[in-house]
């Protein structure tokens, strides 16, 4: 985990404020951008 646990933060237009402790993966960023 010292090598795998990294931040993911989205900020700006249409992004709501909030936090999640759900386990998510780095590969989820690009599909999120596709949907946005």
ModelCIF file with pLDDT and N, C-alpha, C, O atoms, coordinates in Angstrom:
data_MODEL
#
_entry.id   MODEL 
#
_entity.id                         1 
_entity.type                       polymer 
_entity.pdbx_number_of_molecules   1 
#
_entity_poly.entity_id                      1 
_entity_poly.type                           'polypeptide(L)' 
_entity_poly.nstd_linkage                   no 
_entity_poly.nstd_monomer                   no 
_entity_poly.pdbx_seq_one_letter_code       
;(UNK)(UNK)(UNK)(UNK)(UNK)(UNK)(UNK)(UNK)(UNK)(UNK)(UNK)(UNK)(UNK)(UNK)(UNK)(UNK)
(UNK)(UNK)(UNK)(UNK)(UNK)(UNK)(UNK)(UNK)(UNK)(UNK)(UNK)(UNK)(UNK)(UNK)(UNK)(UNK)
(UNK)(UNK)(UNK)(UNK)
;
_entity_poly.pdbx_seq_one_letter_code_can   XXXXXXXXXXXXXXXXXXXXXXXXXXXXXXXXXXXX 
_entity_poly.pdbx_strand_id                 A 
#
loop_
_entity_poly_seq.entity_id 
_entity_poly_seq.num 
_entity_poly_seq.mon_id 
_entity_poly_seq.hetero 
1 1  UNK n 
1 2  UNK n 
1 3  UNK n 
1 4  UNK n 
1 5  UNK n 
1 6  UNK n 
1 7  UNK n 
1 8  UNK n 
1 9  UNK n 
1 10 UNK n 
1 11 UNK n 
1 12 UNK n 
1 13 UNK n 
1 14 UNK n 
1 15 UNK n 
1 16 UNK n 
1 17 UNK n 
1 18 UNK n 
1 19 UNK n 
1 20 UNK n 
1 21 UNK n 
1 22 UNK n 
1 23 UNK n 
1 24 UNK n 
1 25 UNK n 
1 26 UNK n 
1 27 UNK n 
1 28 UNK n 
1 29 UNK n 
1 30 UNK n 
1 31 UNK n 
1 32 UNK n 
1 33 UNK n 
1 34 UNK n 
1 35 UNK n 
1 36 UNK n 
#
_struct_asym.id          A 
_struct_asym.entity_id   1 
#
loop_
_ma_qa_metric.id 
_ma_qa_metric.mode 
_ma_qa_metric.name 
_ma_qa_metric.software_group_id 
_ma_qa_metric.type 
1 global pLDDT . pLDDT 
2 local  pLDDT . pLDDT 
#
_ma_qa_metric_global.metric_id      1 
_ma_qa_metric_global.metric_value   97.83 
_ma_qa_metric_global.model_id       1 
_ma_qa_metric_global.ordinal_id     1 
#
loop_
_ma_qa_metric_local.label_asym_id 
_ma_qa_metric_local.label_comp_id 
_ma_qa_metric_local.label_seq_id 
_ma_qa_metric_local.metric_id 
_ma_qa_metric_local.metric_value 
_ma_qa_metric_local.model_id 
_ma_qa_metric_local.ordinal_id 
A UNK 1  2 98.00 1 1  
A UNK 2  2 98.00 1 2  
A UNK 3  2 98.00 1 3  
A UNK 4  2 98.00 1 4  
A UNK 5  2 98.00 1 5  
A UNK 6  2 98.00 1 6  
A UNK 7  2 98.00 1 7  
A UNK 8  2 99.00 1 8  
A UNK 9  2 99.00 1 9  
A UNK 10 2 98.00 1 10 
A UNK 11 2 98.00 1 11 
A UNK 12 2 98.00 1 12 
A UNK 13 2 96.00 1 13 
A UNK 14 2 95.00 1 14 
A UNK 15 2 97.00 1 15 
A UNK 16 2 95.00 1 16 
A UNK 17 2 97.00 1 17 
A UNK 18 2 98.00 1 18 
A UNK 19 2 98.00 1 19 
A UNK 20 2 98.00 1 20 
A UNK 21 2 98.00 1 21 
A UNK 22 2 98.00 1 22 
A UNK 23 2 98.00 1 23 
A UNK 24 2 98.00 1 24 
A UNK 25 2 98.00 1 25 
A UNK 26 2 98.00 1 26 
A UNK 27 2 98.00 1 27 
A UNK 28 2 99.00 1 28 
A UNK 29 2 99.00 1 29 
A UNK 30 2 98.00 1 30 
A UNK 31 2 98.00 1 31 
A UNK 32 2 98.00 1 32 
A UNK 33 2 98.00 1 33 
A UNK 34 2 98.00 1 34 
A UNK 35 2 98.00 1 35 
A UNK 36 2 98.00 1 36 
#
loop_
_atom_site.group_PDB 
_atom_site.id 
_atom_site.type_symbol 
_atom_site.label_atom_id 
_atom_site.label_alt_id 
_atom_site.label_comp_id 
_atom_site.label_asym_id 
_atom_site.label_entity_id 
_atom_site.label_seq_id 
_atom_site.pdbx_PDB_ins_code 
_atom_site.Cartn_x 
_atom_site.Cartn_y 
_atom_site.Cartn_z 
_atom_site.occupancy 
_atom_site.B_iso_or_equiv 
_atom_site.pdbx_formal_charge 
_atom_site.auth_seq_id 
_atom_site.auth_comp_id 
_atom_site.auth_asym_id 
_atom_site.auth_atom_id 
_atom_site.pdbx_PDB_model_num 
ATOM 1   N N  . UNK A 1 1  ? 0.801   -1.225 0.000   1.00 98.00 ? 1  UNK A N  1 
ATOM 2   C CA . UNK A 1 1  ? 0.000   0.000  0.000   1.00 98.00 ? 1  UNK A CA 1 
ATOM 3   C C  . UNK A 1 1  ? 0.832   1.272  0.000   1.00 98.00 ? 1  UNK A C  1 
ATOM 4   O O  . UNK A 1 1  ? 0.369   2.307  -0.479  1.00 98.00 ? 1  UNK A O  1 
ATOM 5   N N  . UNK A 1 2  ? 2.063   1.216  0.533   1.00 98.00 ? 2  UNK A N  1 
ATOM 6   C CA . UNK A 1 2  ? 2.874   2.426  0.487   1.00 98.00 ? 2  UNK A CA 1 
ATOM 7   C C  . UNK A 1 2  ? 3.199   2.816  -0.954  1.00 98.00 ? 2  UNK A C  1 
ATOM 8   O O  . UNK A 1 2  ? 3.499   3.979  -1.228  1.00 98.00 ? 2  UNK A O  1 
ATOM 9   N N  . UNK A 1 3  ? 3.142   1.845  -1.885  1.00 98.00 ? 3  UNK A N  1 
ATOM 10  C CA . UNK A 1 3  ? 3.375   2.138  -3.301  1.00 98.00 ? 3  UNK A CA 1 
ATOM 11  C C  . UNK A 1 3  ? 2.083   2.310  -4.103  1.00 98.00 ? 3  UNK A C  1 
ATOM 12  O O  . UNK A 1 3  ? 2.089   2.960  -5.148  1.00 98.00 ? 3  UNK A O  1 
ATOM 13  N N  . UNK A 1 4  ? 0.978   1.733  -3.623  1.00 98.00 ? 4  UNK A N  1 
ATOM 14  C CA . UNK A 1 4  ? -0.267  1.750  -4.415  1.00 98.00 ? 4  UNK A CA 1 
ATOM 15  C C  . UNK A 1 4  ? -1.260  2.826  -3.997  1.00 98.00 ? 4  UNK A C  1 
ATOM 16  O O  . UNK A 1 4  ? -2.085  3.243  -4.810  1.00 98.00 ? 4  UNK A O  1 
ATOM 17  N N  . UNK A 1 5  ? -1.200  3.289  -2.734  1.00 98.00 ? 5  UNK A N  1 
ATOM 18  C CA . UNK A 1 5  ? -2.234  4.188  -2.210  1.00 98.00 ? 5  UNK A CA 1 
ATOM 19  C C  . UNK A 1 5  ? -1.902  5.629  -2.576  1.00 98.00 ? 5  UNK A C  1 
ATOM 20  O O  . UNK A 1 5  ? -0.944  6.205  -2.061  1.00 98.00 ? 5  UNK A O  1 
ATOM 21  N N  . UNK A 1 6  ? -2.690  6.196  -3.453  1.00 98.00 ? 6  UNK A N  1 
ATOM 22  C CA . UNK A 1 6  ? -2.412  7.520  -4.004  1.00 98.00 ? 6  UNK A CA 1 
ATOM 23  C C  . UNK A 1 6  ? -3.690  8.384  -3.945  1.00 98.00 ? 6  UNK A C  1 
ATOM 24  O O  . UNK A 1 6  ? -4.786  7.852  -3.767  1.00 98.00 ? 6  UNK A O  1 
ATOM 25  N N  . UNK A 1 7  ? -3.551  9.697  -4.093  1.00 98.00 ? 7  UNK A N  1 
ATOM 26  C CA . UNK A 1 7  ? -4.740  10.561 -4.078  1.00 98.00 ? 7  UNK A CA 1 
ATOM 27  C C  . UNK A 1 7  ? -5.447  10.571 -5.427  1.00 98.00 ? 7  UNK A C  1 
ATOM 28  O O  . UNK A 1 7  ? -4.811  10.460 -6.475  1.00 98.00 ? 7  UNK A O  1 
ATOM 29  N N  . UNK A 1 8  ? -6.753  10.704 -5.390  1.00 99.00 ? 8  UNK A N  1 
ATOM 30  C CA . UNK A 1 8  ? -7.543  11.073 -6.571  1.00 99.00 ? 8  UNK A CA 1 
ATOM 31  C C  . UNK A 1 8  ? -8.512  12.147 -6.116  1.00 99.00 ? 8  UNK A C  1 
ATOM 32  O O  . UNK A 1 8  ? -9.350  11.913 -5.245  1.00 99.00 ? 8  UNK A O  1 
ATOM 33  N N  . UNK A 1 9  ? -8.393  13.329 -6.710  1.00 99.00 ? 9  UNK A N  1 
ATOM 34  C CA . UNK A 1 9  ? -9.271  14.451 -6.399  1.00 99.00 ? 9  UNK A CA 1 
ATOM 35  C C  . UNK A 1 9  ? -9.780  15.049 -7.704  1.00 99.00 ? 9  UNK A C  1 
ATOM 36  O O  . UNK A 1 9  ? -9.001  15.303 -8.622  1.00 99.00 ? 9  UNK A O  1 
ATOM 37  N N  . UNK A 1 10 ? -11.079 15.272 -7.783  1.00 98.00 ? 10 UNK A N  1 
ATOM 38  C CA . UNK A 1 10 ? -11.689 16.013 -8.888  1.00 98.00 ? 10 UNK A CA 1 
ATOM 39  C C  . UNK A 1 10 ? -12.204 17.339 -8.350  1.00 98.00 ? 10 UNK A C  1 
ATOM 40  O O  . UNK A 1 10 ? -12.721 17.413 -7.235  1.00 98.00 ? 10 UNK A O  1 
ATOM 41  N N  . UNK A 1 11 ? -12.056 18.388 -9.160  1.00 98.00 ? 11 UNK A N  1 
ATOM 42  C CA . UNK A 1 11 ? -12.383 19.745 -8.703  1.00 98.00 ? 11 UNK A CA 1 
ATOM 43  C C  . UNK A 1 11 ? -12.826 20.573 -9.900  1.00 98.00 ? 11 UNK A C  1 
ATOM 44  O O  . UNK A 1 11 ? -12.270 20.436 -10.989 1.00 98.00 ? 11 UNK A O  1 
ATOM 45  N N  . UNK A 1 12 ? -13.825 21.433 -9.708  1.00 98.00 ? 12 UNK A N  1 
ATOM 46  C CA . UNK A 1 12 ? -14.173 22.383 -10.747 1.00 98.00 ? 12 UNK A CA 1 
ATOM 47  C C  . UNK A 1 12 ? -15.604 22.292 -11.201 1.00 98.00 ? 12 UNK A C  1 
ATOM 48  O O  . UNK A 1 12 ? -16.484 21.871 -10.449 1.00 98.00 ? 12 UNK A O  1 
ATOM 49  N N  . UNK A 1 13 ? -15.833 22.688 -12.435 1.00 96.00 ? 13 UNK A N  1 
ATOM 50  C CA . UNK A 1 13 ? -17.179 22.805 -12.989 1.00 96.00 ? 13 UNK A CA 1 
ATOM 51  C C  . UNK A 1 13 ? -17.956 21.493 -12.903 1.00 96.00 ? 13 UNK A C  1 
ATOM 52  O O  . UNK A 1 13 ? -17.525 20.469 -13.432 1.00 96.00 ? 13 UNK A O  1 
ATOM 53  N N  . UNK A 1 14 ? -19.103 21.536 -12.231 1.00 95.00 ? 14 UNK A N  1 
ATOM 54  C CA . UNK A 1 14 ? -19.979 20.369 -12.141 1.00 95.00 ? 14 UNK A CA 1 
ATOM 55  C C  . UNK A 1 14 ? -19.542 19.316 -11.151 1.00 95.00 ? 14 UNK A C  1 
ATOM 56  O O  . UNK A 1 14 ? -20.202 18.285 -11.022 1.00 95.00 ? 14 UNK A O  1 
ATOM 57  N N  . UNK A 1 15 ? -18.431 19.549 -10.437 1.00 97.00 ? 15 UNK A N  1 
ATOM 58  C CA . UNK A 1 15 ? -17.936 18.576 -9.457  1.00 97.00 ? 15 UNK A CA 1 
ATOM 59  C C  . UNK A 1 15 ? -18.449 18.959 -8.072  1.00 97.00 ? 15 UNK A C  1 
ATOM 60  O O  . UNK A 1 15 ? -18.124 20.032 -7.561  1.00 97.00 ? 15 UNK A O  1 
ATOM 61  N N  . UNK A 1 16 ? -19.234 18.101 -7.477  1.00 95.00 ? 16 UNK A N  1 
ATOM 62  C CA . UNK A 1 16 ? -19.760 18.362 -6.149  1.00 95.00 ? 16 UNK A CA 1 
ATOM 63  C C  . UNK A 1 16 ? -18.687 18.142 -5.084  1.00 95.00 ? 16 UNK A C  1 
ATOM 64  O O  . UNK A 1 16 ? -17.755 17.360 -5.272  1.00 95.00 ? 16 UNK A O  1 
ATOM 65  N N  . UNK A 1 17 ? -18.838 18.847 -3.966  1.00 97.00 ? 17 UNK A N  1 
ATOM 66  C CA . UNK A 1 17 ? -17.916 18.658 -2.854  1.00 97.00 ? 17 UNK A CA 1 
ATOM 67  C C  . UNK A 1 17 ? -18.256 17.374 -2.121  1.00 97.00 ? 17 UNK A C  1 
ATOM 68  O O  . UNK A 1 17 ? -19.428 17.065 -1.905  1.00 97.00 ? 17 UNK A O  1 
ATOM 69  N N  . UNK A 1 18 ? -17.231 16.628 -1.739  1.00 98.00 ? 18 UNK A N  1 
ATOM 70  C CA . UNK A 1 18 ? -17.497 15.407 -0.994  1.00 98.00 ? 18 UNK A CA 1 
ATOM 71  C C  . UNK A 1 18 ? -16.260 14.552 -0.827  1.00 98.00 ? 18 UNK A C  1 
ATOM 72  O O  . UNK A 1 18 ? -15.180 14.883 -1.315  1.00 98.00 ? 18 UNK A O  1 
ATOM 73  N N  . UNK A 1 19 ? -16.436 13.455 -0.134  1.00 98.00 ? 19 UNK A N  1 
ATOM 74  C CA . UNK A 1 19 ? -15.355 12.494 0.101   1.00 98.00 ? 19 UNK A CA 1 
ATOM 75  C C  . UNK A 1 19 ? -15.919 11.087 0.041   1.00 98.00 ? 19 UNK A C  1 
ATOM 76  O O  . UNK A 1 19 ? -17.094 10.865 0.335   1.00 98.00 ? 19 UNK A O  1 
ATOM 77  N N  . UNK A 1 20 ? -15.078 10.140 -0.340  1.00 98.00 ? 20 UNK A N  1 
ATOM 78  C CA . UNK A 1 20 ? -15.474 8.738  -0.361  1.00 98.00 ? 20 UNK A CA 1 
ATOM 79  C C  . UNK A 1 20 ? -14.306 7.896  0.119   1.00 98.00 ? 20 UNK A C  1 
ATOM 80  O O  . UNK A 1 20 ? -13.148 8.175  -0.191  1.00 98.00 ? 20 UNK A O  1 
ATOM 81  N N  . UNK A 1 21 ? -14.636 6.843  0.892   1.00 98.00 ? 21 UNK A N  1 
ATOM 82  C CA . UNK A 1 21 ? -13.602 5.887  1.301   1.00 98.00 ? 21 UNK A CA 1 
ATOM 83  C C  . UNK A 1 21 ? -13.769 4.569  0.548   1.00 98.00 ? 21 UNK A C  1 
ATOM 84  O O  . UNK A 1 21 ? -13.134 3.570  0.884   1.00 98.00 ? 21 UNK A O  1 
ATOM 85  N N  . UNK A 1 22 ? -14.618 4.574  -0.461  1.00 98.00 ? 22 UNK A N  1 
ATOM 86  C CA . UNK A 1 22 ? -14.777 3.376  -1.293  1.00 98.00 ? 22 UNK A CA 1 
ATOM 87  C C  . UNK A 1 22 ? -13.462 3.073  -2.003  1.00 98.00 ? 22 UNK A C  1 
ATOM 88  O O  . UNK A 1 22 ? -12.772 3.981  -2.467  1.00 98.00 ? 22 UNK A O  1 
ATOM 89  N N  . UNK A 1 23 ? -13.124 1.796  -2.083  1.00 98.00 ? 23 UNK A N  1 
ATOM 90  C CA . UNK A 1 23 ? -11.907 1.397  -2.787  1.00 98.00 ? 23 UNK A CA 1 
ATOM 91  C C  . UNK A 1 23 ? -12.091 1.589  -4.289  1.00 98.00 ? 23 UNK A C  1 
ATOM 92  O O  . UNK A 1 23 ? -12.948 0.953  -4.902  1.00 98.00 ? 23 UNK A O  1 
ATOM 93  N N  . UNK A 1 24 ? -11.292 2.458  -4.871  1.00 98.00 ? 24 UNK A N  1 
ATOM 94  C CA . UNK A 1 24 ? -11.354 2.717  -6.306  1.00 98.00 ? 24 UNK A CA 1 
ATOM 95  C C  . UNK A 1 24 ? -9.958  2.540  -6.884  1.00 98.00 ? 24 UNK A C  1 
ATOM 96  O O  . UNK A 1 24 ? -8.971  2.496  -6.150  1.00 98.00 ? 24 UNK A O  1 
ATOM 97  N N  . UNK A 1 25 ? -9.887  2.439  -8.207  1.00 98.00 ? 25 UNK A N  1 
ATOM 98  C CA . UNK A 1 25 ? -8.612  2.150  -8.876  1.00 98.00 ? 25 UNK A CA 1 
ATOM 99  C C  . UNK A 1 25 ? -8.187  3.304  -9.769  1.00 98.00 ? 25 UNK A C  1 
ATOM 100 O O  . UNK A 1 25 ? -9.012  4.089  -10.237 1.00 98.00 ? 25 UNK A O  1 
ATOM 101 N N  . UNK A 1 26 ? -6.890  3.387  -9.994  1.00 98.00 ? 26 UNK A N  1 
ATOM 102 C CA . UNK A 1 26 ? -6.328  4.445  -10.833 1.00 98.00 ? 26 UNK A CA 1 
ATOM 103 C C  . UNK A 1 26 ? -6.916  4.417  -12.239 1.00 98.00 ? 26 UNK A C  1 
ATOM 104 O O  . UNK A 1 26 ? -7.029  5.455  -12.891 1.00 98.00 ? 26 UNK A O  1 
ATOM 105 N N  . UNK A 1 27 ? -7.290  3.225  -12.703 1.00 98.00 ? 27 UNK A N  1 
ATOM 106 C CA . UNK A 1 27 ? -7.818  3.094  -14.064 1.00 98.00 ? 27 UNK A CA 1 
ATOM 107 C C  . UNK A 1 27 ? -9.237  3.622  -14.183 1.00 98.00 ? 27 UNK A C  1 
ATOM 108 O O  . UNK A 1 27 ? -9.807  3.602  -15.274 1.00 98.00 ? 27 UNK A O  1 
ATOM 109 N N  . UNK A 1 28 ? -9.830  4.099  -13.074 1.00 99.00 ? 28 UNK A N  1 
ATOM 110 C CA . UNK A 1 28 ? -11.180 4.652  -13.113 1.00 99.00 ? 28 UNK A CA 1 
ATOM 111 C C  . UNK A 1 28 ? -11.204 6.112  -13.558 1.00 99.00 ? 28 UNK A C  1 
ATOM 112 O O  . UNK A 1 28 ? -12.267 6.641  -13.880 1.00 99.00 ? 28 UNK A O  1 
ATOM 113 N N  . UNK A 1 29 ? -10.041 6.769  -13.580 1.00 99.00 ? 29 UNK A N  1 
ATOM 114 C CA . UNK A 1 29 ? -10.002 8.198  -13.908 1.00 99.00 ? 29 UNK A CA 1 
ATOM 115 C C  . UNK A 1 29 ? -10.414 8.451  -15.359 1.00 99.00 ? 29 UNK A C  1 
ATOM 116 O O  . UNK A 1 29 ? -11.273 9.296  -15.614 1.00 99.00 ? 29 UNK A O  1 
ATOM 117 N N  . UNK A 1 30 ? -9.822  7.740  -16.302 1.00 98.00 ? 30 UNK A N  1 
ATOM 118 C CA . UNK A 1 30 ? -10.110 7.981  -17.723 1.00 98.00 ? 30 UNK A CA 1 
ATOM 119 C C  . UNK A 1 30 ? -11.575 7.715  -18.074 1.00 98.00 ? 30 UNK A C  1 
ATOM 120 O O  . UNK A 1 30 ? -12.180 8.543  -18.756 1.00 98.00 ? 30 UNK A O  1 
ATOM 121 N N  . UNK A 1 31 ? -12.176 6.596  -17.641 1.00 98.00 ? 31 UNK A N  1 
ATOM 122 C CA . UNK A 1 31 ? -13.600 6.400  -17.915 1.00 98.00 ? 31 UNK A CA 1 
ATOM 123 C C  . UNK A 1 31 ? -14.474 7.495  -17.304 1.00 98.00 ? 31 UNK A C  1 
ATOM 124 O O  . UNK A 1 31 ? -15.491 7.875  -17.885 1.00 98.00 ? 31 UNK A O  1 
ATOM 125 N N  . UNK A 1 32 ? -14.084 7.997  -16.143 1.00 98.00 ? 32 UNK A N  1 
ATOM 126 C CA . UNK A 1 32 ? -14.827 9.100  -15.522 1.00 98.00 ? 32 UNK A CA 1 
ATOM 127 C C  . UNK A 1 32 ? -14.798 10.333 -16.414 1.00 98.00 ? 32 UNK A C  1 
ATOM 128 O O  . UNK A 1 32 ? -15.819 10.992 -16.610 1.00 98.00 ? 32 UNK A O  1 
ATOM 129 N N  . UNK A 1 33 ? -13.621 10.639 -16.951 1.00 98.00 ? 33 UNK A N  1 
ATOM 130 C CA . UNK A 1 33 ? -13.496 11.786 -17.851 1.00 98.00 ? 33 UNK A CA 1 
ATOM 131 C C  . UNK A 1 33 ? -14.312 11.581 -19.127 1.00 98.00 ? 33 UNK A C  1 
ATOM 132 O O  . UNK A 1 33 ? -14.905 12.525 -19.649 1.00 98.00 ? 33 UNK A O  1 
ATOM 133 N N  . UNK A 1 34 ? -14.341 10.350 -19.624 1.00 98.00 ? 34 UNK A N  1 
ATOM 134 C CA . UNK A 1 34 ? -15.155 10.053 -20.808 1.00 98.00 ? 34 UNK A CA 1 
ATOM 135 C C  . UNK A 1 34 ? -16.621 10.375 -20.555 1.00 98.00 ? 34 UNK A C  1 
ATOM 136 O O  . UNK A 1 34 ? -17.290 10.962 -21.405 1.00 98.00 ? 34 UNK A O  1 
ATOM 137 N N  . UNK A 1 35 ? -17.120 9.989  -19.379 1.00 98.00 ? 35 UNK A N  1 
ATOM 138 C CA . UNK A 1 35 ? -18.521 10.252 -19.054 1.00 98.00 ? 35 UNK A CA 1 
ATOM 139 C C  . UNK A 1 35 ? -18.773 11.744 -18.832 1.00 98.00 ? 35 UNK A C  1 
ATOM 140 O O  . UNK A 1 35 ? -19.809 12.267 -19.244 1.00 98.00 ? 35 UNK A O  1 
ATOM 141 N N  . UNK A 1 36 ? -17.831 12.427 -18.183 1.00 98.00 ? 36 UNK A N  1 
ATOM 142 C CA . UNK A 1 36 ? -17.984 13.866 -17.954 1.00 98.00 ? 36 UNK A CA 1 
ATOM 143 C C  . UNK A 1 36 ? -18.016 14.641 -19.263 1.00 98.00 ? 36 UNK A C  1 
ATOM 144 O O  . UNK A 1 36 ? -18.140 15.866 -19.252 1.00 98.00 ? 36 UNK A O  1 
#
